[in-house]
Amino acid sequence: MEKLIEFFFPSRCAFCGRLGESPCDDCKKNIRFISGNTCQKCGIPIGDTALPYCASCLREDFAFEKVFPVFYYEGVVRRGVHLFKYRGFYQNAITFSRLMAKKILEADIDANIITFVPTSYERYLLRGFNHSSLLAKNIGKILKIPTVDLLARVGFTKPFYNLSRQERQREIKGKIKLKKGYENIIKGKKVILVDDIFTTGATANECSKVILENGAKCVFVSVLAITKLARESSNLKF
C-alpha cells in the first residue's frame, strides 16, 4: 500500500501539502503531540489530577480499553486531515499511519487484529475511499499485524459535525454490524480499531461494543487526533 501511494503521488508535507519532506520544517514548529499524564480511557492529557480519567470519561461507560491519540485536532493537524479526507492527498496516510503505529508500539499493545471504522456507502462514493482503511492497512503492515475488514455500516446516518454527544450516540446506535463469517476470527482476540478523529467517542464505542459482543477479548482505539471539547477545561483535581 505504501509503495503504491509513493509511486503514484509525490511526497508532500502531510500537514500543509507543500512538496517535499513530511512534516515540513514550518509545520514541525506548530504540531502539538499528546504527551505527559493522560486519561486512561480517551488518552487526553489530564495534568496532575489524582484520578485516572478525565471528567468527560468519568461520565461515560466506554466499551473499549483505551484510545491512543497522536495529536490534538487543531491547527496544522486539522488542515492535514482535511487534505487527506476531502482533497485527495492519499500520501498523507503514510505519515499519519507511521505516527499512529509509533504510538501503538510505545503503548506495548500485544494485539492480534487491526480493523477500522467503516464508512457508509454514500460517503465512500463521495470520497472514493475509506480513509480509516488506508491508515489501518499501513499500520498493520508496519506492526506486522493482520488488518481485517470486520465491520459494516447499515442504514443511513446523518453527518455528525452539528450533533451533540447524545445525538451522536442515538444516531450511530445499531448502525454498526460485524460482517458475516468473522465471528470465529475475533474470538478471544485483542483488536485495535483505527479511525482518524476521536470527538465524543460515540462511533468508536459502538464499533467496540459490536466487536466485543462477538467474542473479542478487548478493543483498543488508535486515532490520529483527539478534539478537546470540554475534556481539558473540565478536568477534576483532588
C-alpha atoms as a PDB file:
ATOM      1  CA  MET A   1       0.000   0.000   0.000  1.00  0.00           C
ATOM      2  CA  GLU A   2       2.716   2.474   0.998  1.00  0.00           C
ATOM      3  CA  LYS A   3       4.816   1.704  -2.109  1.00  0.00           C
ATOM      4  CA  LEU A   4       1.803   2.216  -4.389  1.00  0.00           C
ATOM      5  CA  ILE A   5       0.977   5.585  -2.829  1.00  0.00           C
ATOM      6  CA  GLU A   6       4.604   6.699  -3.049  1.00  0.00           C
ATOM      7  CA  PHE A   7       4.734   5.654  -6.717  1.00  0.00           C
ATOM      8  CA  PHE A   8       1.581   7.493  -7.827  1.00  0.00           C
ATOM      9  CA  PHE A   9       1.669  10.546  -5.552  1.00  0.00           C
ATOM     10  CA  PRO A  10       4.565  12.981  -4.975  1.00  0.00           C
ATOM     11  CA  SER A  11       5.997  13.408  -1.495  1.00  0.00           C
ATOM     12  CA  ARG A  12       4.298  16.307   0.284  1.00  0.00           C
ATOM     13  CA  CYS A  13       4.021  17.605   3.821  1.00  0.00           C
ATOM     14  CA  ALA A  14       1.015  15.816   5.298  1.00  0.00           C
ATOM     15  CA  PHE A  15       0.002  18.950   7.190  1.00  0.00           C
ATOM     16  CA  CYS A  16       0.191  21.779   4.633  1.00  0.00           C
ATOM     17  CA  GLY A  17       0.516  19.982   1.295  1.00  0.00           C
ATOM     18  CA  ARG A  18       3.849  21.537   0.361  1.00  0.00           C
ATOM     19  CA  LEU A  19       6.032  19.388  -1.891  1.00  0.00           C
ATOM     20  CA  GLY A  20       8.952  17.786  -0.062  1.00  0.00           C
ATOM     21  CA  GLU A  21       9.592  16.332   3.379  1.00  0.00           C
ATOM     22  CA  SER A  22       6.724  15.364   5.696  1.00  0.00           C
ATOM     23  CA  PRO A  23       6.289  17.110   8.030  1.00  0.00           C
ATOM     24  CA  CYS A  24       7.980  20.227   6.653  1.00  0.00           C
ATOM     25  CA  ASP A  25      10.093  22.431   8.929  1.00  0.00           C
ATOM     26  CA  ASP A  26       7.363  25.066   9.306  1.00  0.00           C
ATOM     27  CA  CYS A  27       4.688  22.558  10.306  1.00  0.00           C
ATOM     28  CA  LYS A  28       7.017  20.805  12.770  1.00  0.00           C
ATOM     29  CA  LYS A  29       7.005  24.014  14.834  1.00  0.00           C
ATOM     30  CA  ASN A  30       3.206  24.004  15.089  1.00  0.00           C
ATOM     31  CA  ILE A  31       2.411  20.343  15.723  1.00  0.00           C
ATOM     32  CA  ARG A  32       1.255  19.608  19.261  1.00  0.00           C
ATOM     33  CA  PHE A  33       1.835  15.983  20.248  1.00  0.00           C
ATOM     34  CA  ILE A  34      -0.135  14.319  23.049  1.00  0.00           C
ATOM     35  CA  SER A  35       2.224  13.618  25.943  1.00  0.00           C
ATOM     36  CA  GLY A  36       2.506  13.504  29.723  1.00  0.00           C
ATOM     37  CA  ASN A  37      -0.055  12.115  32.155  1.00  0.00           C
ATOM     38  CA  THR A  38      -3.068  11.086  30.078  1.00  0.00           C
ATOM     39  CA  CYS A  39      -6.608   9.882  30.732  1.00  0.00           C
ATOM     40  CA  GLN A  40      -6.584   6.094  30.933  1.00  0.00           C
ATOM     41  CA  LYS A  41      -9.650   5.937  28.699  1.00  0.00           C
ATOM     42  CA  CYS A  42      -9.598   8.667  25.999  1.00  0.00           C
ATOM     43  CA  GLY A  43      -5.867   9.410  26.143  1.00  0.00           C
ATOM     44  CA  ILE A  44      -6.085  13.193  26.527  1.00  0.00           C
ATOM     45  CA  PRO A  45      -3.581  14.908  28.885  1.00  0.00           C
ATOM     46  CA  ILE A  46      -5.025  15.410  32.367  1.00  0.00           C
ATOM     47  CA  GLY A  47      -2.196  17.184  34.178  1.00  0.00           C
ATOM     48  CA  ASP A  48      -1.706  16.442  37.858  1.00  0.00           C
ATOM     49  CA  THR A  49      -5.195  15.144  38.674  1.00  0.00           C
ATOM     50  CA  ALA A  50      -5.256  12.246  41.153  1.00  0.00           C
ATOM     51  CA  LEU A  51      -7.926  10.434  39.128  1.00  0.00           C
ATOM     52  CA  PRO A  52      -7.053   8.098  36.247  1.00  0.00           C
ATOM     53  CA  TYR A  53      -9.733   9.580  33.964  1.00  0.00           C
ATOM     54  CA  CYS A  54     -10.681  12.996  32.608  1.00  0.00           C
ATOM     55  CA  ALA A  55     -14.013  14.477  33.738  1.00  0.00           C
ATOM     56  CA  SER A  56     -15.624  13.599  30.426  1.00  0.00           C
ATOM     57  CA  CYS A  57     -14.706   9.903  30.651  1.00  0.00           C
ATOM     58  CA  LEU A  58     -15.856   9.710  34.275  1.00  0.00           C
ATOM     59  CA  ARG A  59     -19.363  10.320  32.925  1.00  0.00           C
ATOM     60  CA  GLU A  60     -19.085   7.679  30.198  1.00  0.00           C
ATOM     61  CA  ASP A  61     -19.132   3.888  30.124  1.00  0.00           C
ATOM     62  CA  PHE A  62     -16.951   3.184  27.106  1.00  0.00           C
ATOM     63  CA  ALA A  63     -16.614  -0.428  25.955  1.00  0.00           C
ATOM     64  CA  PHE A  64     -13.061  -0.031  24.617  1.00  0.00           C
ATOM     65  CA  GLU A  65      -9.966  -0.238  26.821  1.00  0.00           C
ATOM     66  CA  LYS A  66      -8.174   2.967  25.821  1.00  0.00           C
ATOM     67  CA  VAL A  67      -7.692   5.451  22.994  1.00  0.00           C
ATOM     68  CA  PHE A  68      -4.201   6.296  21.728  1.00  0.00           C
ATOM     69  CA  PRO A  69      -4.278   9.726  20.024  1.00  0.00           C
ATOM     70  CA  VAL A  70      -1.147  11.220  18.469  1.00  0.00           C
ATOM     71  CA  PHE A  71      -2.209  14.896  18.308  1.00  0.00           C
ATOM     72  CA  TYR A  72      -4.844  17.402  19.282  1.00  0.00           C
ATOM     73  CA  TYR A  73      -7.243  18.069  16.414  1.00  0.00           C
ATOM     74  CA  GLU A  74      -6.282  21.685  15.781  1.00  0.00           C
ATOM     75  CA  GLY A  75      -4.243  23.970  13.524  1.00  0.00           C
ATOM     76  CA  VAL A  76      -1.982  22.221  11.023  1.00  0.00           C
ATOM     77  CA  VAL A  77      -3.261  18.784  12.095  1.00  0.00           C
ATOM     78  CA  ARG A  78      -6.843  19.793  11.254  1.00  0.00           C
ATOM     79  CA  ARG A  79      -5.624  21.104   7.891  1.00  0.00           C
ATOM     80  CA  GLY A  80      -3.724  17.875   7.171  1.00  0.00           C
ATOM     81  CA  VAL A  81      -6.766  15.722   7.938  1.00  0.00           C
ATOM     82  CA  HIS A  82      -8.891  17.914   5.657  1.00  0.00           C
ATOM     83  CA  LEU A  83      -6.370  17.492   2.804  1.00  0.00           C
ATOM     84  CA  PHE A  84      -6.390  13.719   3.371  1.00  0.00           C
ATOM     85  CA  LYS A  85     -10.158  13.204   3.589  1.00  0.00           C
ATOM     86  CA  TYR A  86     -11.544  15.796   1.209  1.00  0.00           C
ATOM     87  CA  ARG A  87      -8.773  16.874  -1.183  1.00  0.00           C
ATOM     88  CA  GLY A  88      -7.388  13.500  -2.255  1.00  0.00           C
ATOM     89  CA  PHE A  89      -3.962  13.772  -0.586  1.00  0.00           C
ATOM     90  CA  TYR A  90      -3.669   9.987  -0.233  1.00  0.00           C
ATOM     91  CA  GLN A  91       0.043  10.258   0.548  1.00  0.00           C
ATOM     92  CA  ASN A  92      -0.870  11.746   3.943  1.00  0.00           C
ATOM     93  CA  ALA A  93      -1.784   8.207   5.001  1.00  0.00           C
ATOM     94  CA  ILE A  94       1.921   7.318   5.026  1.00  0.00           C
ATOM     95  CA  THR A  95       2.971   9.998   7.538  1.00  0.00           C
ATOM     96  CA  PHE A  96      -0.164   9.622   9.642  1.00  0.00           C
ATOM     97  CA  SER A  97      -0.032   5.820   9.880  1.00  0.00           C
ATOM     98  CA  ARG A  98       3.667   5.832  10.801  1.00  0.00           C
ATOM     99  CA  LEU A  99       2.962   8.193  13.693  1.00  0.00           C
ATOM    100  CA  MET A 100      -0.031   6.136  14.816  1.00  0.00           C
ATOM    101  CA  ALA A 101       1.991   2.904  14.660  1.00  0.00           C
ATOM    102  CA  LYS A 102       4.733   4.508  16.750  1.00  0.00           C
ATOM    103  CA  LYS A 103       2.149   5.436  19.411  1.00  0.00           C
ATOM    104  CA  ILE A 104       0.856   1.854  19.475  1.00  0.00           C
ATOM    105  CA  LEU A 105       4.388   0.462  19.807  1.00  0.00           C
ATOM    106  CA  GLU A 106       5.071   2.801  22.729  1.00  0.00           C
ATOM    107  CA  ALA A 107       1.898   1.540  24.433  1.00  0.00           C
ATOM    108  CA  ASP A 108       3.148  -2.057  24.070  1.00  0.00           C
ATOM    109  CA  ILE A 109      -0.227  -3.439  22.987  1.00  0.00           C
ATOM    110  CA  ASP A 110       0.055  -7.110  22.115  1.00  0.00           C
ATOM    111  CA  ALA A 111      -2.819  -7.051  19.610  1.00  0.00           C
ATOM    112  CA  ASN A 112      -3.823  -9.836  17.215  1.00  0.00           C
ATOM    113  CA  ILE A 113      -6.001  -7.994  14.697  1.00  0.00           C
ATOM    114  CA  ILE A 114      -6.325  -4.467  13.330  1.00  0.00           C
ATOM    115  CA  THR A 115      -9.628  -3.232  11.919  1.00  0.00           C
ATOM    116  CA  PHE A 116     -11.135   0.153  11.131  1.00  0.00           C
ATOM    117  CA  VAL A 117     -14.291   2.222  11.453  1.00  0.00           C
ATOM    118  CA  PRO A 118     -16.462   1.532   8.387  1.00  0.00           C
ATOM    119  CA  THR A 119     -17.743   4.334   6.183  1.00  0.00           C
ATOM    120  CA  SER A 120     -21.202   4.468   4.674  1.00  0.00           C
ATOM    121  CA  TYR A 121     -21.679   3.521   1.020  1.00  0.00           C
ATOM    122  CA  GLU A 122     -22.742   7.099   0.234  1.00  0.00           C
ATOM    123  CA  ARG A 123     -19.597   8.621   1.757  1.00  0.00           C
ATOM    124  CA  TYR A 124     -17.436   6.001   0.062  1.00  0.00           C
ATOM    125  CA  LEU A 125     -18.868   7.005  -3.307  1.00  0.00           C
ATOM    126  CA  LEU A 126     -18.368  10.694  -2.493  1.00  0.00           C
ATOM    127  CA  ARG A 127     -14.703  10.358  -1.410  1.00  0.00           C
ATOM    128  CA  GLY A 128     -13.720   7.314  -3.404  1.00  0.00           C
ATOM    129  CA  PHE A 129     -12.010   5.627  -0.449  1.00  0.00           C
ATOM    130  CA  ASN A 130     -12.258   4.901   3.268  1.00  0.00           C
ATOM    131  CA  HIS A 131      -9.528   6.963   4.953  1.00  0.00           C
ATOM    132  CA  SER A 132      -9.588   4.799   8.099  1.00  0.00           C
ATOM    133  CA  SER A 133      -8.990   1.712   5.970  1.00  0.00           C
ATOM    134  CA  LEU A 134      -5.889   3.284   4.372  1.00  0.00           C
ATOM    135  CA  LEU A 135      -4.499   4.132   7.797  1.00  0.00           C
ATOM    136  CA  ALA A 136      -5.278   0.703   9.259  1.00  0.00           C
ATOM    137  CA  LYS A 137      -3.702  -1.237   6.397  1.00  0.00           C
ATOM    138  CA  ASN A 138      -0.467   0.685   6.612  1.00  0.00           C
ATOM    139  CA  ILE A 139      -0.378   0.418  10.425  1.00  0.00           C
ATOM    140  CA  GLY A 140      -0.895  -3.333  10.091  1.00  0.00           C
ATOM    141  CA  LYS A 141       1.974  -3.590   7.639  1.00  0.00           C
ATOM    142  CA  ILE A 142       4.298  -1.597   9.936  1.00  0.00           C
ATOM    143  CA  LEU A 143       3.359  -3.612  13.039  1.00  0.00           C
ATOM    144  CA  LYS A 144       3.096  -6.940  11.169  1.00  0.00           C
ATOM    145  CA  ILE A 145      -0.453  -7.457  12.432  1.00  0.00           C
ATOM    146  CA  PRO A 146      -3.198  -8.630  10.030  1.00  0.00           C
ATOM    147  CA  THR A 147      -5.721  -5.961   9.041  1.00  0.00           C
ATOM    148  CA  VAL A 148      -9.237  -7.358   8.693  1.00  0.00           C
ATOM    149  CA  ASP A 149     -12.305  -5.561   7.309  1.00  0.00           C
ATOM    150  CA  LEU A 150     -14.617  -6.681  10.126  1.00  0.00           C
ATOM    151  CA  LEU A 151     -17.348  -4.055  10.277  1.00  0.00           C
ATOM    152  CA  ALA A 152     -20.092  -2.618   8.083  1.00  0.00           C
ATOM    153  CA  ARG A 153     -22.464   0.318   8.435  1.00  0.00           C
ATOM    154  CA  VAL A 154     -26.141  -0.398   7.973  1.00  0.00           C
ATOM    155  CA  GLY A 155     -28.759   2.243   7.264  1.00  0.00           C
ATOM    156  CA  PHE A 156     -28.233   5.969   6.903  1.00  0.00           C
ATOM    157  CA  THR A 157     -26.512   8.202   9.473  1.00  0.00           C
ATOM    158  CA  LYS A 158     -26.622  11.983   9.415  1.00  0.00           C
ATOM    159  CA  PRO A 159     -23.319  13.899   9.391  1.00  0.00           C
ATOM    160  CA  PHE A 160     -22.052  14.236  12.971  1.00  0.00           C
ATOM    161  CA  TYR A 161     -20.426  17.662  12.917  1.00  0.00           C
ATOM    162  CA  ASN A 162     -23.506  19.557  14.200  1.00  0.00           C
ATOM    163  CA  LEU A 163     -24.749  16.848  16.583  1.00  0.00           C
ATOM    164  CA  SER A 164     -24.364  16.763  20.366  1.00  0.00           C
ATOM    165  CA  ARG A 165     -22.829  13.840  22.264  1.00  0.00           C
ATOM    166  CA  GLN A 166     -26.253  12.341  22.985  1.00  0.00           C
ATOM    167  CA  GLU A 167     -27.448  12.864  19.407  1.00  0.00           C
ATOM    168  CA  ARG A 168     -24.353  11.132  18.031  1.00  0.00           C
ATOM    169  CA  GLN A 169     -24.892   8.185  20.358  1.00  0.00           C
ATOM    170  CA  ARG A 170     -28.514   7.830  19.251  1.00  0.00           C
ATOM    171  CA  GLU A 171     -27.630   8.266  15.565  1.00  0.00           C
ATOM    172  CA  ILE A 172     -24.961   5.535  15.488  1.00  0.00           C
ATOM    173  CA  LYS A 173     -26.741   3.043  17.761  1.00  0.00           C
ATOM    174  CA  GLY A 174     -27.485  -0.168  15.869  1.00  0.00           C
ATOM    175  CA  LYS A 175     -25.828   1.108  12.685  1.00  0.00           C
ATOM    176  CA  ILE A 176     -22.637  -0.993  13.003  1.00  0.00           C
ATOM    177  CA  LYS A 177     -22.627  -4.735  12.304  1.00  0.00           C
ATOM    178  CA  LEU A 178     -19.977  -7.453  12.179  1.00  0.00           C
ATOM    179  CA  LYS A 179     -19.639  -8.868   8.669  1.00  0.00           C
ATOM    180  CA  LYS A 180     -20.789 -12.462   8.285  1.00  0.00           C
ATOM    181  CA  GLY A 181     -18.178 -15.147   8.764  1.00  0.00           C
ATOM    182  CA  TYR A 182     -15.833 -13.178  11.016  1.00  0.00           C
ATOM    183  CA  GLU A 183     -17.163 -14.363  14.394  1.00  0.00           C
ATOM    184  CA  ASN A 184     -14.572 -17.111  14.821  1.00  0.00           C
ATOM    185  CA  ILE A 185     -11.726 -14.885  13.640  1.00  0.00           C
ATOM    186  CA  ILE A 186     -12.099 -12.406  16.516  1.00  0.00           C
ATOM    187  CA  LYS A 187     -12.979 -14.805  19.349  1.00  0.00           C
ATOM    188  CA  GLY A 188     -10.603 -14.228  22.265  1.00  0.00           C
ATOM    189  CA  LYS A 189      -8.522 -11.741  20.259  1.00  0.00           C
ATOM    190  CA  LYS A 190      -7.152  -8.304  21.152  1.00  0.00           C
ATOM    191  CA  VAL A 191      -8.329  -5.874  18.485  1.00  0.00           C
ATOM    192  CA  ILE A 192      -7.066  -2.415  17.516  1.00  0.00           C
ATOM    193  CA  LEU A 193      -9.782  -0.224  15.991  1.00  0.00           C
ATOM    194  CA  VAL A 194      -8.462   2.565  13.740  1.00  0.00           C
ATOM    195  CA  ASP A 195     -10.106   5.915  12.997  1.00  0.00           C
ATOM    196  CA  ASP A 196      -8.890   9.408  12.175  1.00  0.00           C
ATOM    197  CA  ILE A 197     -10.509  11.627  14.842  1.00  0.00           C
ATOM    198  CA  PHE A 198     -11.876  10.940  18.330  1.00  0.00           C
ATOM    199  CA  THR A 199     -14.549  13.502  19.260  1.00  0.00           C
ATOM    200  CA  THR A 200     -17.236  12.182  21.609  1.00  0.00           C
ATOM    201  CA  GLY A 201     -16.333   8.512  21.222  1.00  0.00           C
ATOM    202  CA  ALA A 202     -19.824   7.521  20.031  1.00  0.00           C
ATOM    203  CA  THR A 203     -18.671   5.752  16.862  1.00  0.00           C
ATOM    204  CA  ALA A 204     -15.613   4.098  18.423  1.00  0.00           C
ATOM    205  CA  ASN A 205     -17.763   2.887  21.299  1.00  0.00           C
ATOM    206  CA  GLU A 206     -20.463   1.417  19.051  1.00  0.00           C
ATOM    207  CA  CYS A 207     -17.837  -0.370  16.949  1.00  0.00           C
ATOM    208  CA  SER A 208     -16.140  -1.687  20.097  1.00  0.00           C
ATOM    209  CA  LYS A 209     -19.432  -2.985  21.502  1.00  0.00           C
ATOM    210  CA  VAL A 210     -20.112  -4.955  18.320  1.00  0.00           C
ATOM    211  CA  ILE A 211     -16.606  -6.446  18.301  1.00  0.00           C
ATOM    212  CA  LEU A 212     -16.827  -7.421  21.973  1.00  0.00           C
ATOM    213  CA  GLU A 213     -20.348  -8.826  21.663  1.00  0.00           C
ATOM    214  CA  ASN A 214     -18.982 -11.178  19.014  1.00  0.00           C
ATOM    215  CA  GLY A 215     -16.309 -12.642  21.264  1.00  0.00           C
ATOM    216  CA  ALA A 216     -13.218 -10.419  21.117  1.00  0.00           C
ATOM    217  CA  LYS A 217     -11.209 -10.178  24.338  1.00  0.00           C
ATOM    218  CA  CYS A 218     -10.719  -6.394  24.249  1.00  0.00           C
ATOM    219  CA  VAL A 219     -10.568  -3.393  21.927  1.00  0.00           C
ATOM    220  CA  PHE A 220      -8.025  -0.562  21.819  1.00  0.00           C
ATOM    221  CA  VAL A 221      -8.590   2.519  19.670  1.00  0.00           C
ATOM    222  CA  SER A 222      -5.879   4.161  17.571  1.00  0.00           C
ATOM    223  CA  VAL A 223      -6.631   7.652  16.246  1.00  0.00           C
ATOM    224  CA  LEU A 224      -4.573  10.365  14.642  1.00  0.00           C
ATOM    225  CA  ALA A 225      -6.081  13.164  16.729  1.00  0.00           C
ATOM    226  CA  ILE A 226      -8.488  13.970  19.535  1.00  0.00           C
ATOM    227  CA  THR A 227     -10.696  17.021  19.912  1.00  0.00           C
ATOM    228  CA  LYS A 228     -10.503  18.925  23.161  1.00  0.00           C
ATOM    229  CA  LEU A 229     -14.240  19.509  23.650  1.00  0.00           C
ATOM    230  CA  ALA A 230     -14.751  20.157  27.358  1.00  0.00           C
ATOM    231  CA  ARG A 231     -12.287  17.490  28.459  1.00  0.00           C
ATOM    232  CA  GLU A 232      -9.250  19.632  29.119  1.00  0.00           C
ATOM    233  CA  SER A 233     -11.031  22.562  30.739  1.00  0.00           C
ATOM    234  CA  SER A 234     -13.260  20.442  32.955  1.00  0.00           C
ATOM    235  CA  ASN A 235     -10.689  18.040  34.403  1.00  0.00           C
ATOM    236  CA  LEU A 236     -11.233  17.493  38.091  1.00  0.00           C
ATOM    237  CA  LYS A 237      -8.460  17.858  40.624  1.00  0.00           C
ATOM    238  CA  PHE A 238      -8.379  16.222  44.043  1.00  0.00           C
END
